[in-house]
Amino acid sequence: MIFSILLYLRDYVKALFTLVHVYYLGIIYVIYEFFEDCRTGVKMTSRKMLLNNKIEKWTRILKQMRTDKFDESGDVDSAKLVAVITGADGTIGSELLKYLLAMDFNVFAVGLSPPTNQFQNLDNLQFIKCDLGNINEVFAAVETIQLSSDRIDLLILNAAMFLSPKIGWLPYRREMIIGAQIIERHLAVNVLANAQLFASLSQRLEQSVLSSGRAIFVSSCSARAGDLSLLLKKQDERFWCRHLNGYKSYPDSKLLLSAYVQYLNKVLRSRDSQISVASVHPGVVPGKFYKNVFWPFRSFINWILAPFMRTPLQAATQILDIAFSPSLDSPNNSNNLYYENGVPSKINALQNQENIWLYGRCVREMIVDNDEESLSFNINTGNFDENSKQKQLEKSSAEFFERLLSEAGAI
């Protein structure tokens, strides 16, 4: 009993240090990004000019990357590239949406709320209401996309949660369920939902008309404050179930997400896959993302620091610069798939390749597999709706991904 209390107090103190570390990183990155954007001229570039310049540049790049003969096709709609964005109703997501629609993509916008009026009645936009905290809605969104398009050229996993209001002070909560296991909410939404979406849509990405289908996982500089030591100690259940505070869980989730991207890249390259993946820190941006932060801190971020922070448009630009980068196809681009300010950046915790494999398998084991009796992860307390259509979708997606991630040979 006393040992358990001491262990919890130790973890709680560690969580408090992580809170300080997260805010320290935030301040440092705001300052660094401000001077970097001033140096490159982005800070002084008008919104209209930035939009026009980037759209012109990316359109030219994408034309070179296309492998189909779309100019000879009489079907105008088939010539359009297809993108899927999660968190399309968010601060950065709405700017990503503007960019892609301006570039004439067919866009599946996945989010909790429909796009604003400026996006209404557009033929190349389909909104899919989806709560990533509900596995039934995740599979329903996948089904809608798969029935509507036979390929995906760009998948941007932008949705995330920070400081969920549903979590309390106890270290174990019953908000997230995976089978019989209790899963911490940030890890379930920020990591497992993204991993599941990629697994379910990867077959469509393989059919991209680009030289490689692109999957971009939006990460955060706070990943540098993350700690995955429990996974190294084989204490998986404690890692997935523990909640100390949101400031601890959020960086842990972003670090694990970036680790999973590196794991995916190694596996995809070993299988000669046509999919390219990357994780991106888009910049520190003010907005509703901080709605659950203690109000004095929230006010300081959204009002005092805001003029020095990246705008949502600048953050969206950072994401799409990587998404449309030809270098993402390079076979040498395998060790550092985490990007900051447009270039690969090392995270010390992700330099051991054996650990990357371990982290990746820990995530892989938590998403759907070929076992029809497995309920996968159900991050609500309701029963999983196993109707025949969803089970067929789950099985077909899992079979493809299982082949892709077969452990026939060690990497």
Protein backbone atom coordinates (compact mmCIF):
# COMPACT_ATOMS: atom_id res chain seq x y z
CA MET A 1 0.00 0.00 0.00
CA ILE A 2 2.72 2.47 1.04
CA PHE A 3 4.85 1.43 -1.94
CA SER A 4 1.92 2.05 -4.31
CA ILE A 5 1.35 5.51 -2.84
CA LEU A 6 5.04 6.38 -3.18
CA LEU A 7 5.03 5.11 -6.76
CA TYR A 8 2.02 7.24 -7.59
CA LEU A 9 3.56 10.32 -5.95
CA ARG A 10 6.74 9.79 -7.96
CA ASP A 11 4.75 9.59 -11.18
CA TYR A 12 2.70 12.62 -10.22
CA VAL A 13 5.83 14.70 -9.60
CA LYS A 14 7.14 13.54 -12.97
CA ALA A 15 3.86 14.68 -14.53
CA LEU A 16 4.26 18.12 -12.96
CA PHE A 17 7.76 18.39 -14.41
CA THR A 18 6.30 17.46 -17.80
CA LEU A 19 3.78 20.30 -17.45
CA VAL A 20 6.63 22.77 -16.93
CA HIS A 21 8.55 21.18 -19.81
CA VAL A 22 5.58 21.58 -22.18
CA TYR A 23 5.21 25.29 -21.44
CA TYR A 24 8.98 25.77 -21.67
CA LEU A 25 8.98 24.14 -25.11
CA GLY A 26 6.02 26.26 -26.15
CA ILE A 27 7.76 29.53 -25.27
CA ILE A 28 11.04 28.48 -26.89
CA TYR A 29 9.29 27.40 -30.08
CA VAL A 30 7.19 30.57 -30.29
CA ILE A 31 10.38 32.65 -30.14
CA TYR A 32 12.31 30.42 -32.56
CA GLU A 33 9.47 30.19 -35.08
CA PHE A 34 8.89 33.94 -34.96
CA PHE A 35 12.49 34.71 -35.91
CA GLU A 36 12.58 31.86 -38.44
CA ASP A 37 9.45 33.14 -40.17
CA CYS A 38 10.85 36.68 -40.14
CA ARG A 39 14.11 35.40 -41.66
CA THR A 40 12.32 33.56 -44.47
CA GLY A 41 9.91 36.44 -45.07
CA VAL A 42 6.78 34.43 -44.28
CA LYS A 43 5.85 36.71 -41.39
CA MET A 44 5.76 39.74 -43.68
CA THR A 45 3.96 38.00 -46.55
CA SER A 46 0.29 38.83 -46.93
CA ARG A 47 -2.27 36.07 -46.65
CA LYS A 48 -3.32 36.41 -50.28
CA MET A 49 0.24 36.33 -51.58
CA LEU A 50 1.15 33.31 -49.43
CA LEU A 51 -1.90 31.43 -50.69
CA ASN A 52 -1.25 32.25 -54.35
CA ASN A 53 2.49 31.54 -54.22
CA LYS A 54 2.10 28.20 -52.47
CA ILE A 55 -0.79 27.03 -54.64
CA GLU A 56 1.18 27.83 -57.79
CA LYS A 57 4.27 26.02 -56.46
CA TRP A 58 2.42 22.91 -55.23
CA THR A 59 0.31 22.65 -58.39
CA ARG A 60 3.48 22.56 -60.46
CA ILE A 61 5.03 19.90 -58.19
CA LEU A 62 1.91 17.72 -58.20
CA LYS A 63 1.71 17.83 -61.98
CA GLN A 64 5.24 16.41 -62.13
CA MET A 65 4.41 13.76 -59.52
CA ARG A 66 1.35 12.42 -61.33
CA THR A 67 1.72 9.06 -63.01
CA ASP A 68 -1.64 8.93 -64.81
CA LYS A 69 -2.51 10.37 -68.22
CA PHE A 70 -5.16 12.68 -66.86
CA ASP A 71 -4.79 15.21 -69.68
CA GLU A 72 -6.07 12.61 -72.15
CA SER A 73 -9.08 11.64 -70.07
CA GLY A 74 -12.50 12.97 -70.86
CA ASP A 75 -13.63 12.53 -67.27
CA VAL A 76 -12.88 15.83 -65.54
CA ASP A 77 -13.70 14.50 -62.08
CA SER A 78 -11.33 11.54 -62.39
CA ALA A 79 -8.48 13.95 -63.03
CA LYS A 80 -8.86 15.50 -59.59
CA LEU A 81 -6.61 14.40 -56.77
CA VAL A 82 -8.35 13.03 -53.67
CA ALA A 83 -7.57 14.14 -50.12
CA VAL A 84 -8.88 13.08 -46.71
CA ILE A 85 -8.45 15.46 -43.76
CA THR A 86 -9.35 14.76 -40.15
CA GLY A 87 -9.97 17.69 -37.84
CA ALA A 88 -11.15 19.69 -40.86
CA ASP A 89 -13.28 21.86 -38.56
CA GLY A 90 -10.29 22.87 -36.43
CA THR A 91 -8.10 25.96 -36.46
CA ILE A 92 -5.45 24.50 -38.78
CA GLY A 93 -7.78 22.02 -40.48
CA SER A 94 -9.99 24.76 -41.92
CA GLU A 95 -6.93 26.36 -43.54
CA LEU A 96 -5.83 23.02 -44.97
CA LEU A 97 -9.31 22.73 -46.42
CA LYS A 98 -9.06 26.14 -48.10
CA TYR A 99 -5.72 25.26 -49.66
CA LEU A 100 -6.84 21.90 -51.05
CA LEU A 101 -10.16 23.17 -52.39
CA ALA A 102 -8.33 26.04 -54.10
CA MET A 103 -6.09 23.41 -55.73
CA ASP A 104 -9.21 21.60 -56.99
CA PHE A 105 -8.82 18.46 -54.86
CA ASN A 106 -11.79 16.26 -54.14
CA VAL A 107 -11.80 16.51 -50.34
CA PHE A 108 -13.33 14.32 -47.67
CA ALA A 109 -13.47 16.57 -44.60
CA VAL A 110 -13.75 14.51 -41.41
CA GLY A 111 -14.69 16.38 -38.26
CA LEU A 112 -17.17 17.00 -35.47
CA SER A 113 -18.78 20.06 -37.05
CA PRO A 114 -19.64 20.81 -40.69
CA PRO A 115 -17.53 23.39 -42.55
CA THR A 116 -18.52 27.03 -42.33
CA ASN A 117 -20.79 28.71 -44.89
CA GLN A 118 -17.91 29.55 -47.22
CA PHE A 119 -17.51 25.81 -47.89
CA GLN A 120 -21.18 25.06 -48.47
CA ASN A 121 -22.53 23.63 -51.76
CA LEU A 122 -19.14 22.71 -53.19
CA ASP A 123 -19.17 19.70 -55.49
CA ASN A 124 -15.63 18.68 -54.58
CA LEU A 125 -16.17 18.69 -50.80
CA GLN A 126 -17.85 15.96 -48.77
CA PHE A 127 -18.19 16.43 -45.02
CA ILE A 128 -18.18 13.31 -42.84
CA LYS A 129 -19.23 13.79 -39.24
CA CYS A 130 -17.00 11.64 -37.07
CA ASP A 131 -15.94 11.57 -33.45
CA LEU A 132 -12.56 9.84 -33.30
CA GLY A 133 -13.52 8.83 -29.77
CA ASN A 134 -16.14 6.47 -31.21
CA ILE A 135 -14.84 3.45 -33.11
CA ASN A 136 -18.20 2.90 -34.82
CA GLU A 137 -18.03 6.41 -36.29
CA VAL A 138 -14.42 5.83 -37.36
CA PHE A 139 -15.38 2.73 -39.34
CA ALA A 140 -18.49 4.46 -40.71
CA ALA A 141 -16.27 7.30 -41.99
CA VAL A 142 -13.89 4.78 -43.58
CA GLU A 143 -16.80 3.03 -45.26
CA THR A 144 -18.14 6.31 -46.68
CA ILE A 145 -14.73 7.17 -48.11
CA GLN A 146 -14.16 3.72 -49.57
CA LEU A 147 -17.57 3.67 -51.24
CA SER A 148 -17.03 7.15 -52.69
CA SER A 149 -13.50 6.86 -54.03
CA ASP A 150 -11.29 4.05 -55.28
CA ARG A 151 -8.12 5.92 -54.35
CA ILE A 152 -6.67 8.47 -51.95
CA ASP A 153 -3.72 10.66 -52.90
CA LEU A 154 -3.30 12.56 -49.63
CA LEU A 155 -4.29 11.60 -46.08
CA ILE A 156 -3.77 14.27 -43.42
CA LEU A 157 -4.36 13.02 -39.88
CA ASN A 158 -4.71 16.41 -38.26
CA ALA A 159 -7.28 15.84 -35.51
CA ALA A 160 -6.10 15.69 -31.91
CA MET A 161 -7.28 16.43 -28.40
CA PHE A 162 -5.54 18.34 -25.62
CA LEU A 163 -6.57 18.37 -21.95
CA SER A 164 -9.84 16.49 -22.27
CA PRO A 165 -12.46 17.88 -19.86
CA LYS A 166 -13.66 14.32 -19.19
CA ILE A 167 -10.57 13.19 -17.33
CA GLY A 168 -10.14 13.65 -13.61
CA TRP A 169 -7.36 13.27 -11.06
CA LEU A 170 -7.44 9.50 -10.66
CA PRO A 171 -4.67 7.62 -12.47
CA TYR A 172 -7.09 5.12 -14.03
CA ARG A 173 -10.27 6.15 -15.81
CA ARG A 174 -13.04 4.27 -17.62
CA GLU A 175 -13.39 6.62 -20.58
CA MET A 176 -11.51 4.53 -23.10
CA ILE A 177 -11.91 0.80 -23.50
CA ILE A 178 -9.85 -1.54 -25.64
CA GLY A 179 -11.30 -4.99 -25.20
CA ALA A 180 -11.22 -5.38 -21.43
CA GLN A 181 -8.53 -2.74 -21.02
CA ILE A 182 -8.99 0.84 -19.88
CA ILE A 183 -7.24 3.27 -22.22
CA GLU A 184 -6.20 6.84 -21.50
CA ARG A 185 -8.19 9.20 -23.69
CA HIS A 186 -5.31 11.17 -25.30
CA LEU A 187 -3.55 7.97 -26.31
CA ALA A 188 -6.76 6.49 -27.72
CA VAL A 189 -7.68 9.50 -29.86
CA ASN A 190 -4.28 10.95 -30.76
CA VAL A 191 -2.53 7.64 -31.45
CA LEU A 192 -4.88 4.69 -31.88
CA ALA A 193 -7.58 6.43 -33.91
CA ASN A 194 -4.94 7.78 -36.31
CA ALA A 195 -3.27 4.38 -36.58
CA GLN A 196 -6.64 2.75 -37.26
CA LEU A 197 -7.55 5.26 -39.97
CA PHE A 198 -4.24 4.71 -41.72
CA ALA A 199 -4.64 0.94 -41.52
CA SER A 200 -8.15 1.09 -42.93
CA LEU A 201 -7.35 3.54 -45.75
CA SER A 202 -3.87 2.36 -46.71
CA GLN A 203 -5.15 0.24 -49.58
CA ARG A 204 -6.70 3.35 -51.14
CA LEU A 205 -3.41 5.22 -50.69
CA GLU A 206 -1.64 2.48 -52.63
CA GLN A 207 -3.88 3.34 -55.60
CA SER A 208 -2.76 7.00 -55.70
CA VAL A 209 -2.04 8.52 -59.11
CA LEU A 210 0.94 10.32 -57.55
CA SER A 211 4.38 8.74 -57.47
CA SER A 212 3.47 7.85 -53.88
CA GLY A 213 0.34 8.24 -51.79
CA ARG A 214 1.05 10.62 -48.92
CA ALA A 215 0.02 10.15 -45.27
CA ILE A 216 0.88 13.07 -42.98
CA PHE A 217 0.47 12.67 -39.22
CA VAL A 218 0.31 16.06 -37.49
CA SER A 219 2.51 15.88 -34.40
CA SER A 220 3.81 18.53 -32.01
CA CYS A 221 7.05 19.87 -30.58
CA SER A 222 5.69 18.76 -27.20
CA ALA A 223 6.66 15.23 -28.27
CA ARG A 224 10.10 16.20 -26.96
CA ALA A 225 8.58 16.16 -23.46
CA GLY A 226 7.07 12.71 -23.95
CA ASP A 227 8.11 9.59 -22.06
CA LEU A 228 7.65 6.04 -23.37
CA SER A 229 9.80 4.33 -20.75
CA LEU A 230 6.91 2.16 -19.54
CA LEU A 231 6.77 0.52 -22.97
CA LEU A 232 10.49 -0.23 -22.79
CA LYS A 233 9.89 -1.83 -19.40
CA LYS A 234 7.17 -4.03 -20.93
CA GLN A 235 4.56 -2.32 -18.76
CA ASP A 236 2.20 -1.81 -21.69
CA GLU A 237 -1.04 -2.01 -19.74
CA ARG A 238 0.12 0.58 -17.23
CA PHE A 239 1.20 2.89 -20.06
CA TRP A 240 -2.08 2.67 -21.97
CA CYS A 241 -4.27 2.93 -18.88
CA ARG A 242 -2.50 5.56 -16.78
CA HIS A 243 -3.69 9.14 -16.59
CA LEU A 244 -1.85 11.60 -14.36
CA ASN A 245 -2.75 14.84 -16.13
CA GLY A 246 -3.36 16.00 -19.69
CA TYR A 247 -0.01 17.75 -19.85
CA LYS A 248 1.65 14.36 -19.34
CA SER A 249 -0.62 12.36 -21.62
CA TYR A 250 -0.55 14.76 -24.59
CA PRO A 251 3.25 14.78 -25.17
CA ASP A 252 3.38 11.03 -24.57
CA SER A 253 0.74 10.56 -27.27
CA LYS A 254 2.56 12.81 -29.75
CA LEU A 255 5.90 11.10 -29.12
CA LEU A 256 4.33 7.68 -29.65
CA LEU A 257 2.60 8.93 -32.81
CA SER A 258 5.92 10.12 -34.26
CA ALA A 259 7.54 6.82 -33.29
CA TYR A 260 4.75 4.94 -35.03
CA VAL A 261 5.32 6.95 -38.21
CA GLN A 262 8.99 5.93 -38.23
CA TYR A 263 7.97 2.31 -37.65
CA LEU A 264 5.46 2.49 -40.50
CA ASN A 265 8.03 3.98 -42.84
CA LYS A 266 10.48 1.14 -42.20
CA VAL A 267 7.83 -1.48 -42.80
CA LEU A 268 6.45 0.22 -45.90
CA ARG A 269 9.92 0.58 -47.42
CA SER A 270 10.70 -3.08 -46.73
CA ARG A 271 7.51 -4.06 -48.58
CA ASP A 272 8.20 -1.75 -51.57
CA SER A 273 5.00 0.11 -50.76
CA GLN A 274 4.00 3.20 -52.76
CA ILE A 275 3.00 5.07 -49.59
CA SER A 276 5.14 7.81 -48.05
CA VAL A 277 4.58 8.89 -44.44
CA ALA A 278 5.81 11.72 -42.23
CA SER A 279 4.97 13.45 -38.96
CA VAL A 280 5.00 17.25 -38.85
CA HIS A 281 5.10 19.89 -36.14
CA PRO A 282 3.19 22.72 -37.88
CA GLY A 283 4.10 25.40 -35.38
CA VAL A 284 2.66 26.86 -32.20
CA VAL A 285 -0.68 28.40 -33.17
CA PRO A 286 -3.27 30.28 -31.06
CA GLY A 287 -6.87 29.15 -31.18
CA LYS A 288 -9.57 26.93 -29.74
CA PHE A 289 -7.13 24.05 -29.31
CA TYR A 290 -6.39 25.56 -25.88
CA LYS A 291 -10.04 25.78 -24.83
CA ASN A 292 -9.47 23.44 -21.86
CA VAL A 293 -6.34 25.20 -20.62
CA PHE A 294 -6.63 27.12 -17.31
CA TRP A 295 -8.07 30.48 -18.39
CA PRO A 296 -5.14 32.76 -17.36
CA PHE A 297 -2.77 30.60 -19.43
CA ARG A 298 -5.31 30.41 -22.26
CA SER A 299 -5.67 34.18 -22.31
CA PHE A 300 -1.89 34.64 -22.27
CA ILE A 301 -1.50 32.27 -25.24
CA ASN A 302 -4.40 33.51 -27.36
CA TRP A 303 -4.00 37.22 -26.68
CA ILE A 304 -0.52 38.16 -25.47
CA LEU A 305 1.53 35.63 -27.44
CA ALA A 306 -0.73 35.48 -30.50
CA PRO A 307 1.01 38.24 -32.53
CA PHE A 308 4.30 36.34 -32.24
CA MET A 309 2.86 32.89 -33.00
CA ARG A 310 2.27 31.25 -36.35
CA THR A 311 -1.08 31.88 -37.96
CA PRO A 312 -3.25 28.87 -38.83
CA LEU A 313 -2.52 29.50 -42.52
CA GLN A 314 1.24 29.46 -41.90
CA ALA A 315 0.87 26.22 -39.94
CA ALA A 316 -1.17 24.64 -42.74
CA THR A 317 1.56 25.73 -45.15
CA GLN A 318 4.15 23.87 -43.06
CA ILE A 319 2.09 20.67 -43.30
CA LEU A 320 1.49 20.87 -47.04
CA ASP A 321 5.10 21.80 -47.78
CA ILE A 322 6.04 18.37 -46.43
CA ALA A 323 3.03 16.61 -47.94
CA PHE A 324 3.98 17.77 -51.44
CA SER A 325 7.75 17.48 -51.05
CA PRO A 326 9.31 15.24 -53.75
CA SER A 327 12.04 14.29 -51.26
CA LEU A 328 9.49 12.32 -49.24
CA ASP A 329 9.85 9.58 -51.85
CA SER A 330 13.60 9.31 -51.32
CA PRO A 331 14.78 5.87 -50.10
CA ASN A 332 17.35 7.68 -47.95
CA ASN A 333 14.56 9.52 -46.16
CA SER A 334 14.02 6.83 -43.52
CA ASN A 335 15.62 7.68 -40.19
CA ASN A 336 14.02 11.02 -39.34
CA LEU A 337 10.42 11.36 -40.44
CA TYR A 338 9.59 14.08 -37.91
CA TYR A 339 9.67 17.56 -39.48
CA GLU A 340 9.98 21.04 -38.05
CA ASN A 341 10.20 24.18 -40.19
CA GLY A 342 10.26 22.10 -43.34
CA VAL A 343 13.27 19.93 -42.49
CA PRO A 344 13.77 16.61 -40.66
CA SER A 345 14.45 17.10 -36.96
CA LYS A 346 15.81 14.58 -34.49
CA ILE A 347 13.95 13.65 -31.33
CA ASN A 348 16.42 12.09 -28.92
CA ALA A 349 13.92 9.52 -27.66
CA LEU A 350 13.47 8.17 -31.21
CA GLN A 351 17.07 7.50 -32.20
CA ASN A 352 17.22 3.87 -31.08
CA GLN A 353 15.87 1.77 -33.96
CA GLU A 354 15.13 -1.26 -31.78
CA ASN A 355 12.96 0.94 -29.59
CA ILE A 356 11.16 2.28 -32.67
CA TRP A 357 10.23 -1.27 -33.62
CA LEU A 358 9.01 -1.98 -30.08
CA TYR A 359 6.90 1.21 -29.96
CA GLY A 360 5.44 0.46 -33.37
CA ARG A 361 4.43 -3.06 -32.45
CA CYS A 362 2.84 -1.80 -29.22
CA VAL A 363 0.55 0.40 -31.32
CA ARG A 364 0.01 -2.22 -34.01
CA GLU A 365 -1.21 -4.72 -31.43
CA MET A 366 -3.91 -2.30 -30.30
CA ILE A 367 -5.66 -1.87 -33.66
CA VAL A 368 -7.75 -4.35 -35.62
CA ASP A 369 -6.33 -7.67 -36.78
CA ASN A 370 -7.63 -10.68 -38.65
CA ASP A 371 -9.34 -12.17 -35.60
CA GLU A 372 -13.06 -11.80 -36.29
CA GLU A 373 -13.78 -12.23 -32.61
CA SER A 374 -11.62 -9.25 -31.70
CA LEU A 375 -13.57 -6.11 -30.92
CA SER A 376 -10.50 -3.97 -31.56
CA PHE A 377 -10.51 -0.76 -29.61
CA ASN A 378 -13.81 0.62 -28.44
CA ILE A 379 -13.12 3.99 -26.91
CA ASN A 380 -16.62 4.46 -25.67
CA THR A 381 -18.26 2.29 -23.04
CA GLY A 382 -21.06 1.21 -25.39
CA ASN A 383 -21.01 -2.14 -27.16
CA PHE A 384 -19.28 -2.44 -30.50
CA ASP A 385 -21.86 -2.65 -33.30
CA GLU A 386 -20.79 -5.72 -35.25
CA ASN A 387 -23.15 -5.54 -38.20
CA SER A 388 -22.07 -7.51 -41.24
CA LYS A 389 -21.10 -4.47 -43.31
CA GLN A 390 -18.71 -3.12 -40.70
CA LYS A 391 -17.20 -6.53 -40.06
CA GLN A 392 -16.59 -7.00 -43.77
CA LEU A 393 -14.95 -3.56 -43.96
CA GLU A 394 -12.84 -4.27 -40.89
CA LYS A 395 -11.73 -7.64 -42.19
CA SER A 396 -10.78 -6.43 -45.70
CA SER A 397 -8.82 -3.48 -44.34
CA ALA A 398 -7.11 -5.61 -41.72
CA GLU A 399 -6.14 -8.31 -44.21
CA PHE A 400 -4.38 -5.78 -46.42
CA PHE A 401 -2.60 -4.11 -43.54
CA GLU A 402 -1.66 -7.44 -42.00
CA ARG A 403 0.04 -8.42 -45.24
CA LEU A 404 1.75 -5.04 -45.31
CA LEU A 405 2.99 -5.33 -41.76
CA SER A 406 3.81 -9.01 -41.76
CA GLU A 407 6.69 -9.87 -39.50
CA ALA A 408 8.04 -12.49 -41.87
CA GLY A 409 11.43 -10.86 -41.64
CA ALA A 410 12.91 -8.64 -38.94
CA ILE A 411 13.71 -5.10 -39.98
